[in-house]
């Protein structure tokens, strides 16, 4: 599984349809419609929706590379 935020392959499953990226330290959830929600993990373990659209972030990274 690739991280939708940074593109790293260092993402692993932590729950059903929920993953954690060891590179950028975020959790993300993929629902049944393949929509992705990205969360920041607080110090106490709670999740905060970052409100980031992964398609826009990946697009921005690909534009920066050119």
N, C-alpha and C. Protein backbone atom coordinates (compact mmCIF):
# COMPACT_ATOMS: atom_id res chain seq x y z
N UNK A 1 0.85 -1.17 0.00
CA UNK A 1 0.00 0.00 0.00
C UNK A 1 0.89 1.24 0.00
N UNK A 2 0.58 2.16 -0.86
CA UNK A 2 1.30 3.42 -0.93
C UNK A 2 0.57 4.49 -0.13
N UNK A 3 1.32 5.36 0.51
CA UNK A 3 0.74 6.48 1.24
C UNK A 3 0.20 7.50 0.24
N UNK A 4 -1.06 7.93 0.40
CA UNK A 4 -1.61 8.91 -0.54
C UNK A 4 -1.05 10.31 -0.35
N UNK A 5 -0.37 10.56 0.76
CA UNK A 5 0.16 11.90 1.03
C UNK A 5 1.59 12.06 0.52
N UNK A 6 2.45 11.10 0.84
CA UNK A 6 3.86 11.24 0.46
C UNK A 6 4.31 10.25 -0.61
N UNK A 7 3.48 9.23 -0.89
CA UNK A 7 3.82 8.25 -1.92
C UNK A 7 4.73 7.14 -1.44
N UNK A 8 5.08 7.12 -0.17
CA UNK A 8 5.98 6.10 0.39
C UNK A 8 5.31 4.73 0.41
N UNK A 9 6.13 3.69 0.33
CA UNK A 9 5.62 2.32 0.45
C UNK A 9 5.63 1.85 1.90
N UNK A 10 6.01 2.74 2.83
CA UNK A 10 6.11 2.41 4.25
C UNK A 10 4.76 2.54 4.96
N UNK A 11 3.69 2.13 4.32
CA UNK A 11 2.36 2.20 4.92
C UNK A 11 1.88 0.78 5.21
N UNK A 12 1.36 0.59 6.41
CA UNK A 12 0.87 -0.73 6.80
C UNK A 12 -0.52 -0.64 7.38
N UNK A 13 -1.22 -1.75 7.33
CA UNK A 13 -2.59 -1.81 7.83
C UNK A 13 -2.60 -1.84 9.35
N UNK A 14 -3.45 -1.00 9.95
CA UNK A 14 -3.62 -0.98 11.40
C UNK A 14 -5.02 -1.42 11.81
N UNK A 15 -5.95 -1.41 10.88
CA UNK A 15 -7.33 -1.86 11.12
C UNK A 15 -7.97 -2.10 9.75
N UNK A 16 -9.19 -2.58 9.76
CA UNK A 16 -9.89 -2.80 8.50
C UNK A 16 -10.02 -1.48 7.76
N UNK A 17 -9.49 -1.41 6.56
CA UNK A 17 -9.54 -0.23 5.70
C UNK A 17 -8.83 0.99 6.31
N UNK A 18 -7.92 0.77 7.25
CA UNK A 18 -7.20 1.88 7.88
C UNK A 18 -5.71 1.56 7.88
N UNK A 19 -4.89 2.56 7.52
CA UNK A 19 -3.45 2.36 7.33
C UNK A 19 -2.66 3.46 8.03
N UNK A 20 -1.38 3.16 8.31
CA UNK A 20 -0.48 4.12 8.95
C UNK A 20 0.78 4.23 8.10
N UNK A 21 1.21 5.47 7.85
CA UNK A 21 2.44 5.69 7.09
C UNK A 21 3.57 6.00 8.06
N UNK A 22 4.60 5.19 8.04
CA UNK A 22 5.76 5.38 8.91
C UNK A 22 6.66 6.49 8.41
N UNK A 23 6.48 6.92 7.19
CA UNK A 23 7.32 7.98 6.64
C UNK A 23 6.82 9.37 7.05
N UNK A 24 5.53 9.63 6.85
CA UNK A 24 5.00 10.97 7.20
C UNK A 24 4.13 10.95 8.45
N UNK A 25 4.01 9.77 9.10
CA UNK A 25 3.37 9.63 10.41
C UNK A 25 1.90 10.05 10.42
N UNK A 26 1.17 9.64 9.39
CA UNK A 26 -0.26 9.91 9.32
C UNK A 26 -1.01 8.58 9.22
N UNK A 27 -2.29 8.63 9.55
CA UNK A 27 -3.17 7.49 9.29
C UNK A 27 -4.12 7.90 8.19
N UNK A 28 -4.53 6.91 7.41
CA UNK A 28 -5.53 7.19 6.39
C UNK A 28 -6.48 6.02 6.27
N UNK A 29 -7.69 6.34 5.85
CA UNK A 29 -8.75 5.35 5.73
C UNK A 29 -9.23 5.35 4.28
N UNK A 30 -9.45 4.13 3.76
CA UNK A 30 -9.97 3.96 2.41
C UNK A 30 -11.34 3.31 2.55
N UNK A 31 -12.40 4.02 2.11
CA UNK A 31 -13.74 3.45 2.25
C UNK A 31 -14.08 2.56 1.06
N UNK A 32 -15.29 2.02 1.05
CA UNK A 32 -15.70 1.07 0.01
C UNK A 32 -15.76 1.70 -1.38
N UNK A 33 -15.83 3.04 -1.45
CA UNK A 33 -15.85 3.73 -2.74
C UNK A 33 -14.45 4.21 -3.13
N UNK A 34 -13.42 3.70 -2.42
CA UNK A 34 -12.02 4.07 -2.63
C UNK A 34 -11.75 5.55 -2.39
N UNK A 35 -12.57 6.19 -1.55
CA UNK A 35 -12.31 7.56 -1.13
C UNK A 35 -11.38 7.52 0.07
N UNK A 36 -10.41 8.41 0.09
CA UNK A 36 -9.38 8.41 1.13
C UNK A 36 -9.57 9.60 2.06
N UNK A 37 -9.50 9.32 3.37
CA UNK A 37 -9.51 10.36 4.38
C UNK A 37 -8.20 10.28 5.14
N UNK A 38 -7.51 11.41 5.28
CA UNK A 38 -6.19 11.45 5.92
C UNK A 38 -6.32 12.07 7.29
N UNK A 39 -5.67 11.45 8.28
CA UNK A 39 -5.74 11.90 9.67
C UNK A 39 -4.35 12.15 10.23
N UNK A 40 -4.24 13.20 11.03
CA UNK A 40 -3.05 13.45 11.85
C UNK A 40 -3.25 12.71 13.16
N UNK A 41 -2.21 12.05 13.66
CA UNK A 41 -2.30 11.31 14.92
C UNK A 41 -1.77 12.20 16.05
N UNK A 42 -2.65 12.54 16.98
CA UNK A 42 -2.27 13.35 18.14
C UNK A 42 -1.41 12.53 19.10
N UNK A 43 -0.76 13.21 20.05
CA UNK A 43 0.09 12.53 21.04
C UNK A 43 -0.67 11.51 21.87
N UNK A 44 -1.97 11.76 22.10
CA UNK A 44 -2.77 10.82 22.89
C UNK A 44 -3.37 9.71 22.04
N UNK A 45 -3.06 9.68 20.74
CA UNK A 45 -3.55 8.63 19.86
C UNK A 45 -4.83 8.97 19.13
N UNK A 46 -5.43 10.10 19.45
CA UNK A 46 -6.66 10.48 18.75
C UNK A 46 -6.34 10.94 17.33
N UNK A 47 -7.32 10.80 16.45
CA UNK A 47 -7.13 11.15 15.05
C UNK A 47 -7.86 12.45 14.73
N UNK A 48 -7.18 13.31 13.97
CA UNK A 48 -7.75 14.59 13.56
C UNK A 48 -7.76 14.61 12.04
N UNK A 49 -8.96 14.78 11.45
CA UNK A 49 -9.08 14.84 10.00
C UNK A 49 -8.30 16.04 9.49
N UNK A 50 -7.36 15.80 8.58
CA UNK A 50 -6.52 16.87 8.06
C UNK A 50 -7.22 17.67 6.96
N UNK A 51 -8.31 17.16 6.43
CA UNK A 51 -9.03 17.86 5.38
C UNK A 51 -8.24 18.00 4.10
N UNK A 52 -7.32 17.06 3.85
CA UNK A 52 -6.47 17.09 2.67
C UNK A 52 -7.08 16.20 1.60
N UNK A 53 -7.17 16.73 0.38
CA UNK A 53 -7.60 15.92 -0.74
C UNK A 53 -6.36 15.25 -1.32
N UNK A 54 -6.23 13.91 -1.17
CA UNK A 54 -5.00 13.24 -1.61
C UNK A 54 -4.71 13.42 -3.10
N UNK A 55 -5.76 13.51 -3.94
CA UNK A 55 -5.52 13.68 -5.37
C UNK A 55 -4.82 15.01 -5.64
N UNK A 56 -5.21 16.06 -4.94
CA UNK A 56 -4.57 17.36 -5.11
C UNK A 56 -3.13 17.32 -4.62
N UNK A 57 -2.88 16.64 -3.50
CA UNK A 57 -1.52 16.56 -2.93
C UNK A 57 -0.60 15.81 -3.87
N UNK A 58 -1.04 14.66 -4.40
CA UNK A 58 -0.22 13.88 -5.31
C UNK A 58 0.04 14.68 -6.59
N UNK A 59 -0.97 15.39 -7.07
CA UNK A 59 -0.81 16.23 -8.26
C UNK A 59 0.23 17.30 -8.01
N UNK A 60 0.17 17.92 -6.85
CA UNK A 60 1.13 18.99 -6.50
C UNK A 60 2.55 18.43 -6.45
N UNK A 61 2.71 17.22 -5.89
CA UNK A 61 4.05 16.63 -5.83
C UNK A 61 4.58 16.32 -7.22
N UNK A 62 3.72 15.83 -8.12
CA UNK A 62 4.18 15.49 -9.47
C UNK A 62 4.55 16.76 -10.24
N UNK A 63 3.84 17.86 -9.99
CA UNK A 63 4.15 19.12 -10.66
C UNK A 63 5.48 19.69 -10.15
N UNK A 64 5.76 19.49 -8.86
CA UNK A 64 7.00 20.00 -8.28
C UNK A 64 8.21 19.27 -8.86
N UNK A 65 8.04 17.98 -9.23
CA UNK A 65 9.15 17.18 -9.71
C UNK A 65 9.57 17.58 -11.12
N UNK A 66 8.69 18.24 -11.87
CA UNK A 66 9.04 18.59 -13.25
C UNK A 66 9.70 19.92 -13.36
